[in-house]
């Protein structure tokens, strides 16, 4: 006789459920909002934009939107996912109220409104990092082990005529924002600092934009960590410009940097001249020697007098992976890349692999696009700038929750989609007894113990 598990059971379905919470796991995010003080901070800094006799607080409205994005929404209207669960998320403003707030913030001194939001974000970040202690990105920071700020740009397509949407270099139409993120290292994720929304035709290597992003990023760091070699700026070759590096290395800033460096002209000319004993093995991300990849320091072979003092140029040579296309400057069937850095100490392989770990910044941008960044909902450019800040709030509360509640667990490195599927979407039921309200999580959820521990 053959036995099989069958397909799906037949159940009777009705809509009579009472006290059921579909996203009960999101309660851990509300705990982070309260613990970090971000809602109270936003309420204070945005008080000048609050209308007399307004019922809903502007700070609460923005954090409600951030919660809706963190738990899986990607539009303003998705806040109704929280509106139907007041026992967990409190009173949530209506869609017209939210629209009116965005219109006010985007038209009445919008630059000051964004500055007020960023002030509250910086204060909350300092508080969370201080509470995280040795799990904070600041733990063990030094010149040899700097706090890393990654900068990268991305393209956002627009499917309608939005203000300042322009054709992009990839033949699309939309925007070309420049973003910065704190790298939490190989054991964690990362958190956003700045999103500079730009028209789609903005240049990739515009030094003024890179400088502005670094200025605003440093303001997001706690006092005492806004200058010096213990802060490293890491970018691709778009940051390898004279103006940008001169600004980073000015005496009163003296920041560390690791940027992509173009291979043409003098660099391309010296590649055939590098002696065989000048190459050493490259490392993989775990700092083990990598087969088919070598690095060399060619600083002494170049005239770098026009560049900032102390700059080093490191070249990487590797066997191209299957399908890779070689450039005209590649020789001997190998692929060549180069970086420029002012880090003095450390093995060449360590400095080079530290730069290549910049690829995690692309993961942060991809995760942001899964959290509302891909769809700018407003026609107004300033309103879309505000939306970008709400997206950063959503990414921050998830990153802070992982840092404080999930350190040492598998959830510390989970991306937003997995956090939602495994934690935030755990169901629950509201139970009231003796004037106390209890949220009872589904005991059969695979990771409910992890959520309760957090």
Protein backbone atom coordinates (compact mmCIF):
# COMPACT_ATOMS: atom_id res chain seq x y z
CA UNK A 1 0.00 0.00 0.00
CA UNK A 2 1.33 3.43 -0.93
CA UNK A 3 1.19 6.25 1.58
CA UNK A 4 1.64 9.93 0.72
CA UNK A 5 1.32 13.15 2.63
CA UNK A 6 -1.51 14.56 0.55
CA UNK A 7 -1.90 18.15 -0.52
CA UNK A 8 -3.74 20.88 1.37
CA UNK A 9 -6.37 20.35 4.07
CA UNK A 10 -9.89 21.64 3.58
CA UNK A 11 -10.82 24.24 6.18
CA UNK A 12 -13.82 26.46 6.67
CA UNK A 13 -12.95 30.16 6.38
CA UNK A 14 -14.83 33.13 7.83
CA UNK A 15 -14.06 36.70 8.87
CA UNK A 16 -15.13 36.48 12.49
CA UNK A 17 -11.66 36.52 14.07
CA UNK A 18 -11.34 38.95 16.97
CA UNK A 19 -8.22 40.26 18.67
CA UNK A 20 -5.96 38.76 16.02
CA UNK A 21 -2.76 40.65 15.05
CA UNK A 22 -1.31 39.70 11.69
CA UNK A 23 2.10 41.36 12.18
CA UNK A 24 2.62 40.88 15.88
CA UNK A 25 6.37 40.43 15.46
CA UNK A 26 6.64 44.08 14.50
CA UNK A 27 6.19 44.92 18.16
CA UNK A 28 9.95 44.56 18.57
CA UNK A 29 10.35 47.54 16.22
CA UNK A 30 8.02 49.67 18.33
CA UNK A 31 10.19 48.80 21.34
CA UNK A 32 13.23 50.06 19.44
CA UNK A 33 11.42 53.27 18.48
CA UNK A 34 10.65 53.93 22.15
CA UNK A 35 14.07 52.84 23.40
CA UNK A 36 16.01 54.89 20.85
CA UNK A 37 13.95 58.01 21.53
CA UNK A 38 13.57 58.70 17.81
CA UNK A 39 9.80 59.28 17.95
CA UNK A 40 10.10 61.70 20.85
CA UNK A 41 13.07 63.38 19.16
CA UNK A 42 11.18 63.87 15.90
CA UNK A 43 8.18 65.18 17.80
CA UNK A 44 10.37 67.83 19.42
CA UNK A 45 12.30 68.93 16.34
CA UNK A 46 9.19 69.02 14.13
CA UNK A 47 7.07 70.96 16.62
CA UNK A 48 7.28 74.19 14.53
CA UNK A 49 5.47 72.38 11.68
CA UNK A 50 2.66 71.03 13.87
CA UNK A 51 -0.65 72.79 13.36
CA UNK A 52 -2.55 74.08 16.42
CA UNK A 53 -4.99 71.53 17.85
CA UNK A 54 -3.58 68.77 15.63
CA UNK A 55 -4.42 65.34 17.03
CA UNK A 56 -1.60 63.39 15.39
CA UNK A 57 2.02 64.17 16.20
CA UNK A 58 4.31 64.70 13.15
CA UNK A 59 7.01 62.52 14.70
CA UNK A 60 4.57 59.65 15.24
CA UNK A 61 3.28 59.99 11.67
CA UNK A 62 6.79 59.66 10.22
CA UNK A 63 7.73 56.70 12.43
CA UNK A 64 4.41 55.02 11.56
CA UNK A 65 5.34 55.33 7.89
CA UNK A 66 8.80 53.94 8.67
CA UNK A 67 7.21 51.00 10.52
CA UNK A 68 4.94 50.26 7.58
CA UNK A 69 7.98 50.17 5.25
CA UNK A 70 10.01 48.05 7.64
CA UNK A 71 7.23 45.48 7.89
CA UNK A 72 6.79 45.16 4.13
CA UNK A 73 5.00 48.21 2.72
CA UNK A 74 6.32 50.27 -0.17
CA UNK A 75 3.79 53.10 -0.49
CA UNK A 76 2.15 55.71 1.74
CA UNK A 77 -1.18 53.87 1.65
CA UNK A 78 0.45 50.74 3.10
CA UNK A 79 0.33 52.38 6.51
CA UNK A 80 -3.15 50.88 6.80
CA UNK A 81 -1.35 47.63 7.68
CA UNK A 82 -0.74 49.25 11.07
CA UNK A 83 -3.96 51.23 11.32
CA UNK A 84 -6.03 48.10 11.90
CA UNK A 85 -3.87 46.99 14.84
CA UNK A 86 -4.06 49.87 17.37
CA UNK A 87 -3.27 47.60 20.33
CA UNK A 88 0.26 47.16 18.95
CA UNK A 89 0.90 50.27 16.85
CA UNK A 90 -1.33 52.87 18.51
CA UNK A 91 -3.49 55.37 16.68
CA UNK A 92 -2.34 55.84 13.09
CA UNK A 93 -3.17 58.95 11.08
CA UNK A 94 -5.44 58.76 8.05
CA UNK A 95 -4.03 58.97 4.53
CA UNK A 96 -5.26 62.58 4.05
CA UNK A 97 -3.59 63.63 7.32
CA UNK A 98 -0.32 62.05 6.18
CA UNK A 99 -0.57 63.79 2.81
CA UNK A 100 -1.16 67.16 4.47
CA UNK A 101 1.91 66.69 6.69
CA UNK A 102 4.09 65.87 3.68
CA UNK A 103 2.76 68.94 1.86
CA UNK A 104 3.56 71.18 4.85
CA UNK A 105 7.06 69.75 5.40
CA UNK A 106 7.83 69.90 1.68
CA UNK A 107 6.70 73.51 1.19
CA UNK A 108 7.25 75.39 4.48
CA UNK A 109 11.03 75.70 4.84
CA UNK A 110 11.73 72.15 3.58
CA UNK A 111 15.49 72.40 4.13
CA UNK A 112 14.94 73.19 7.81
CA UNK A 113 12.43 70.35 8.10
CA UNK A 114 14.96 67.84 6.75
CA UNK A 115 17.62 69.30 9.05
CA UNK A 116 15.26 68.84 12.01
CA UNK A 117 14.68 65.20 11.05
CA UNK A 118 18.42 64.58 10.69
CA UNK A 119 19.09 66.16 14.09
CA UNK A 120 16.68 63.71 15.70
CA UNK A 121 18.22 60.79 13.77
CA UNK A 122 21.74 61.70 14.90
CA UNK A 123 20.68 61.96 18.56
CA UNK A 124 18.90 58.59 18.42
CA UNK A 125 21.89 56.95 16.70
CA UNK A 126 24.28 58.18 19.40
CA UNK A 127 21.91 56.85 22.08
CA UNK A 128 21.57 53.42 20.46
CA UNK A 129 25.30 53.06 19.83
CA UNK A 130 26.06 53.98 23.44
CA UNK A 131 23.54 51.38 24.64
CA UNK A 132 24.96 48.73 22.28
CA UNK A 133 28.39 48.97 23.95
CA UNK A 134 30.83 46.49 22.44
CA UNK A 135 28.30 45.63 19.72
CA UNK A 136 28.35 49.23 18.51
CA UNK A 137 30.15 50.15 15.26
CA UNK A 138 32.36 52.41 17.39
CA UNK A 139 33.73 49.54 19.49
CA UNK A 140 37.45 49.07 18.81
CA UNK A 141 37.61 51.90 16.26
CA UNK A 142 41.17 53.11 15.62
CA UNK A 143 43.41 54.31 12.81
CA UNK A 144 44.19 50.68 11.93
CA UNK A 145 40.54 49.63 12.29
CA UNK A 146 38.55 52.67 11.14
CA UNK A 147 34.81 53.25 11.18
CA UNK A 148 33.87 52.90 7.52
CA UNK A 149 31.41 55.09 5.63
CA UNK A 150 30.51 53.68 2.22
CA UNK A 151 29.32 56.00 -0.54
CA UNK A 152 27.64 54.79 -3.70
CA UNK A 153 25.07 55.94 -6.24
CA UNK A 154 22.14 54.10 -7.77
CA UNK A 155 19.42 54.69 -10.34
CA UNK A 156 15.72 54.97 -9.55
CA UNK A 157 13.36 54.67 -12.49
CA UNK A 158 10.32 56.89 -12.64
CA UNK A 159 7.24 55.80 -14.56
CA UNK A 160 5.60 59.22 -14.54
CA UNK A 161 6.63 62.85 -14.90
CA UNK A 162 8.03 63.74 -11.47
CA UNK A 163 9.79 66.98 -10.66
CA UNK A 164 13.48 66.84 -11.63
CA UNK A 165 13.20 63.35 -13.12
CA UNK A 166 15.67 63.19 -16.02
CA UNK A 167 17.08 60.66 -18.52
CA UNK A 168 19.79 58.47 -16.96
CA UNK A 169 23.06 57.20 -18.36
CA UNK A 170 21.50 53.72 -18.66
CA UNK A 171 18.88 55.09 -21.08
CA UNK A 172 16.22 55.11 -18.38
CA UNK A 173 14.29 57.99 -16.82
CA UNK A 174 14.23 59.00 -13.18
CA UNK A 175 16.72 59.87 -10.46
CA UNK A 176 20.36 59.22 -9.56
CA UNK A 177 20.64 59.44 -5.75
CA UNK A 178 23.96 59.30 -3.92
CA UNK A 179 23.85 57.38 -0.63
CA UNK A 180 26.09 56.71 2.34
CA UNK A 181 26.01 53.86 4.83
CA UNK A 182 27.85 52.80 7.98
CA UNK A 183 29.37 49.36 7.49
CA UNK A 184 28.74 47.09 10.49
CA UNK A 185 31.39 44.66 9.35
CA UNK A 186 31.28 41.04 8.31
CA UNK A 187 29.19 40.02 11.34
CA UNK A 188 26.41 42.53 10.79
CA UNK A 189 24.53 44.55 8.24
CA UNK A 190 24.73 48.34 8.05
CA UNK A 191 22.68 51.48 8.49
CA UNK A 192 22.03 54.51 6.26
CA UNK A 193 23.39 57.95 6.99
CA UNK A 194 22.54 60.14 4.00
CA UNK A 195 20.51 59.96 0.80
CA UNK A 196 21.15 62.84 -1.58
CA UNK A 197 18.35 62.73 -4.14
CA UNK A 198 19.56 63.99 -7.52
CA UNK A 199 18.13 64.26 -11.05
CA UNK A 200 18.72 61.27 -13.31
CA UNK A 201 21.35 63.11 -15.36
CA UNK A 202 23.54 63.91 -12.32
CA UNK A 203 27.18 62.96 -12.83
CA UNK A 204 28.69 59.85 -11.29
CA UNK A 205 31.96 61.46 -10.18
CA UNK A 206 30.69 64.90 -9.17
CA UNK A 207 33.06 65.95 -6.39
CA UNK A 208 30.68 68.56 -4.96
CA UNK A 209 27.99 65.93 -4.38
CA UNK A 210 30.44 63.52 -2.76
CA UNK A 211 31.67 66.29 -0.48
CA UNK A 212 28.12 67.20 0.52
CA UNK A 213 27.28 63.58 1.33
CA UNK A 214 30.40 63.23 3.50
CA UNK A 215 29.62 66.51 5.31
CA UNK A 216 26.10 65.32 6.11
CA UNK A 217 27.33 61.82 7.00
CA UNK A 218 29.79 63.15 9.57
CA UNK A 219 26.97 65.12 11.21
CA UNK A 220 25.19 61.82 11.80
CA UNK A 221 28.09 60.47 13.87
CA UNK A 222 28.50 61.07 17.62
CA UNK A 223 30.71 63.94 18.77
CA UNK A 224 34.39 62.98 18.69
CA UNK A 225 34.00 60.83 15.57
CA UNK A 226 33.66 63.48 12.89
CA UNK A 227 37.30 63.89 11.84
CA UNK A 228 40.58 62.03 11.93
CA UNK A 229 42.04 58.85 10.50
CA UNK A 230 39.75 56.65 12.61
CA UNK A 231 36.99 57.50 10.08
CA UNK A 232 37.42 56.03 6.59
CA UNK A 233 35.51 57.09 3.48
CA UNK A 234 35.18 54.25 0.98
CA UNK A 235 33.93 54.73 -2.59
CA UNK A 236 34.30 53.31 -6.05
CA UNK A 237 36.24 55.13 -8.78
CA UNK A 238 33.62 57.92 -8.80
CA UNK A 239 35.32 59.23 -5.66
CA UNK A 240 38.81 59.13 -7.13
CA UNK A 241 38.95 62.84 -8.02
CA UNK A 242 41.46 65.52 -7.02
CA UNK A 243 38.86 67.83 -5.48
CA UNK A 244 37.25 65.12 -3.36
CA UNK A 245 40.49 63.66 -2.02
CA UNK A 246 41.94 67.11 -1.33
CA UNK A 247 38.83 67.93 0.69
CA UNK A 248 39.00 64.66 2.67
CA UNK A 249 42.64 65.17 3.58
CA UNK A 250 42.45 68.84 4.58
CA UNK A 251 44.33 69.36 7.85
CA UNK A 252 41.26 69.95 10.02
CA UNK A 253 39.57 66.80 8.66
CA UNK A 254 42.42 64.36 7.90
CA UNK A 255 40.04 61.49 7.09
CA UNK A 256 41.16 58.08 5.89
CA UNK A 257 40.03 57.06 2.45
CA UNK A 258 39.98 54.07 0.12
CA UNK A 259 38.69 54.83 -3.37
CA UNK A 260 38.73 53.18 -6.75
CA UNK A 261 41.46 54.52 -9.03
CA UNK A 262 41.18 54.56 -12.83
CA UNK A 263 43.59 52.47 -14.86
CA UNK A 264 44.67 54.66 -17.75
CA UNK A 265 47.58 56.86 -18.67
CA UNK A 266 50.49 56.50 -16.25
CA UNK A 267 48.94 53.59 -14.33
CA UNK A 268 48.37 51.57 -17.51
CA UNK A 269 51.93 52.35 -18.65
CA UNK A 270 53.58 50.86 -15.54
CA UNK A 271 51.57 47.63 -15.44
CA UNK A 272 53.99 45.74 -17.75
CA UNK A 273 56.93 47.06 -15.72
CA UNK A 274 55.91 45.53 -12.38
CA UNK A 275 58.50 42.86 -11.52
CA UNK A 276 57.35 39.33 -10.76
CA UNK A 277 58.55 39.58 -7.16
CA UNK A 278 56.46 42.74 -6.77
CA UNK A 279 53.25 40.70 -6.75
CA UNK A 280 51.90 39.10 -3.58
CA UNK A 281 48.84 36.89 -3.12
CA UNK A 282 45.50 38.60 -2.59
CA UNK A 283 43.05 37.62 0.14
CA UNK A 284 39.42 36.63 -0.02
CA UNK A 285 36.83 38.20 2.29
CA UNK A 286 37.84 35.82 5.10
CA UNK A 287 41.48 36.87 4.77
CA UNK A 288 42.68 33.59 3.29
CA UNK A 289 44.93 33.58 0.24
CA UNK A 290 42.91 33.57 -2.96
CA UNK A 291 44.00 31.50 -5.93
CA UNK A 292 44.44 33.38 -9.17
CA UNK A 293 44.66 36.88 -7.67
CA UNK A 294 47.69 39.03 -6.82
CA UNK A 295 48.34 42.60 -5.68
CA UNK A 296 51.21 45.07 -5.94
CA UNK A 297 52.01 48.54 -4.57
CA UNK A 298 52.98 50.77 -7.51
CA UNK A 299 53.16 54.04 -5.60
CA UNK A 300 56.87 54.43 -6.21
CA UNK A 301 56.44 53.93 -9.94
CA UNK A 302 54.05 56.87 -10.35
CA UNK A 303 54.33 60.64 -10.18
CA UNK A 304 51.70 61.47 -7.54
CA UNK A 305 52.88 65.00 -6.82
CA UNK A 306 49.52 66.42 -7.97
CA UNK A 307 47.62 64.21 -5.53
CA UNK A 308 47.32 64.53 -1.73
CA UNK A 309 50.47 63.68 0.21
CA UNK A 310 50.62 60.13 1.52
CA UNK A 311 48.49 58.58 -1.21
CA UNK A 312 49.27 54.98 -2.17
CA UNK A 313 48.14 53.16 -5.30
CA UNK A 314 47.58 49.40 -5.10
CA UNK A 315 46.91 47.30 -8.20
CA UNK A 316 45.10 43.97 -8.28
CA UNK A 317 45.67 41.37 -10.99
CA UNK A 318 43.39 38.37 -11.30
CA UNK A 319 42.37 35.60 -13.65
CA UNK A 320 39.04 36.82 -15.08
CA UNK A 321 35.97 34.87 -14.09
CA UNK A 322 33.92 33.09 -16.72
CA UNK A 323 32.12 35.59 -18.92
CA UNK A 324 34.16 38.62 -17.81
CA UNK A 325 35.15 41.08 -20.53
CA UNK A 326 38.68 42.45 -20.48
CA UNK A 327 39.37 46.15 -21.02
CA UNK A 328 41.89 47.53 -23.47
CA UNK A 329 44.22 48.31 -20.54
CA UNK A 330 44.21 44.69 -19.33
CA UNK A 331 47.30 42.72 -20.34
CA UNK A 332 48.52 39.10 -20.32
CA UNK A 333 44.93 37.83 -20.18
CA UNK A 334 44.45 39.14 -16.63
CA UNK A 335 41.99 41.66 -15.30
CA UNK A 336 43.44 44.70 -13.51
CA UNK A 337 41.86 47.06 -10.99
CA UNK A 338 43.40 49.72 -8.76
CA UNK A 339 42.63 51.56 -5.53
CA UNK A 340 44.04 54.69 -3.91
CA UNK A 341 44.33 54.97 -0.15
CA UNK A 342 46.16 56.95 2.53
CA UNK A 343 46.25 54.07 5.02
CA UNK A 344 49.84 53.59 6.08
CA UNK A 345 49.74 50.46 8.21
CA UNK A 346 48.60 46.96 7.39
CA UNK A 347 49.46 44.31 4.84
CA UNK A 348 48.71 45.15 1.22
CA UNK A 349 46.32 42.23 0.99
CA UNK A 350 44.40 43.44 4.05
CA UNK A 351 44.08 46.98 2.70
CA UNK A 352 42.93 45.71 -0.68
CA UNK A 353 40.33 43.27 0.64
CA UNK A 354 39.05 45.95 3.00
CA UNK A 355 38.32 48.08 -0.03
CA UNK A 356 36.61 45.27 -1.95
CA UNK A 357 34.25 44.71 0.96
CA UNK A 358 32.72 47.99 -0.19
CA UNK A 359 30.47 45.72 -2.25
CA UNK A 360 28.29 45.37 0.87
CA UNK A 361 27.14 48.95 0.18
CA UNK A 362 25.38 47.67 -2.93
CA UNK A 363 23.51 45.20 -0.70
CA UNK A 364 22.41 48.08 1.53
CA UNK A 365 21.02 49.96 -1.48
CA UNK A 366 19.24 46.84 -2.73
CA UNK A 367 17.68 46.36 0.71
CA UNK A 368 16.59 50.01 0.75
CA UNK A 369 14.85 49.45 -2.58
CA UNK A 370 13.00 46.57 -0.92
CA UNK A 371 11.94 49.05 1.79
CA UNK A 372 10.25 51.75 -0.26
CA UNK A 373 13.27 53.38 -1.92
CA UNK A 374 12.45 52.02 -5.38
CA UNK A 375 9.13 53.86 -5.60
CA UNK A 376 9.19 57.60 -5.01
CA UNK A 377 5.48 58.30 -4.49
CA UNK A 378 5.22 62.07 -4.94
CA UNK A 379 5.42 64.45 -7.87
CA UNK A 380 7.24 67.10 -5.79
CA UNK A 381 11.02 66.73 -5.54
CA UNK A 382 11.13 68.00 -1.93
CA UNK A 383 8.36 65.59 -0.92
CA UNK A 384 10.35 62.72 -2.43
CA UNK A 385 13.40 63.91 -0.48
CA UNK A 386 11.30 63.58 2.67
CA UNK A 387 10.22 60.10 1.57
CA UNK A 388 13.91 59.12 1.26
CA UNK A 389 14.37 60.13 4.90
CA UNK A 390 11.42 57.93 5.91
CA UNK A 391 13.07 55.04 4.07
CA UNK A 392 16.28 55.70 6.02
CA UNK A 393 14.29 55.69 9.27
CA UNK A 394 12.83 52.29 8.35
CA UNK A 395 16.27 50.87 7.56
CA UNK A 396 17.74 52.35 10.75
CA UNK A 397 15.19 50.89 13.14
CA UNK A 398 15.75 47.45 11.60
CA UNK A 399 19.55 47.81 11.81
CA UNK A 400 19.39 49.09 15.39
CA UNK A 401 17.07 46.24 16.39
CA UNK A 402 19.49 43.71 14.91
CA UNK A 403 22.43 45.38 16.66
CA UNK A 404 20.83 45.52 20.11
CA UNK A 405 18.47 42.54 20.17
CA UNK A 406 19.95 39.96 17.80
CA UNK A 407 23.73 40.19 18.26
CA UNK A 408 25.19 36.70 18.32
CA UNK A 409 22.19 35.17 16.55
CA UNK A 410 21.50 34.26 12.95
CA UNK A 411 19.08 37.20 12.66
CA UNK A 412 21.94 39.71 13.03
CA UNK A 413 22.72 39.43 9.32
CA UNK A 414 19.26 38.81 7.93
CA UNK A 415 18.12 41.13 5.18
CA UNK A 416 14.71 42.90 5.39
CA UNK A 417 12.79 40.31 3.38
CA UNK A 418 13.91 37.52 5.69
CA UNK A 419 13.33 39.60 8.82
CA UNK A 420 9.76 40.12 7.70
CA UNK A 421 9.11 36.52 6.74
CA UNK A 422 10.67 35.01 9.86
CA UNK A 423 10.00 37.60 12.57
CA UNK A 424 7.84 40.62 11.80
CA UNK A 425 5.02 38.62 10.20
CA UNK A 426 4.60 36.27 13.14
CA UNK A 427 0.93 36.34 14.08
CA UNK A 428 -0.48 36.88 17.52
CA UNK A 429 -3.56 37.50 19.60
CA UNK A 430 -4.46 40.29 22.00
CA UNK A 431 -5.49 39.07 25.45
CA UNK A 432 -6.78 41.40 28.17
CA UNK A 433 -6.86 40.44 31.85
CA UNK A 434 -6.80 42.45 35.07
CA UNK A 435 -6.39 45.71 33.15
CA UNK A 436 -3.31 44.35 31.42
CA UNK A 437 -2.99 43.76 27.70
CA UNK A 438 -0.81 40.89 26.52
CA UNK A 439 0.25 40.17 22.96
CA UNK A 440 0.40 36.39 22.65
CA UNK A 441 2.64 35.37 19.75
CA UNK A 442 1.92 32.24 17.76
CA UNK A 443 3.74 29.44 19.58
CA UNK A 444 4.12 27.41 16.36
CA UNK A 445 6.17 30.10 14.55
CA UNK A 446 9.69 28.73 13.86
CA UNK A 447 11.55 31.76 15.24
CA UNK A 448 9.21 32.94 17.98
CA UNK A 449 11.80 32.03 20.64
CA UNK A 450 14.35 34.24 18.88
CA UNK A 451 11.86 37.11 18.84
CA UNK A 452 11.01 36.70 22.54
CA UNK A 453 14.69 36.56 23.45
CA UNK A 454 15.30 39.79 21.55
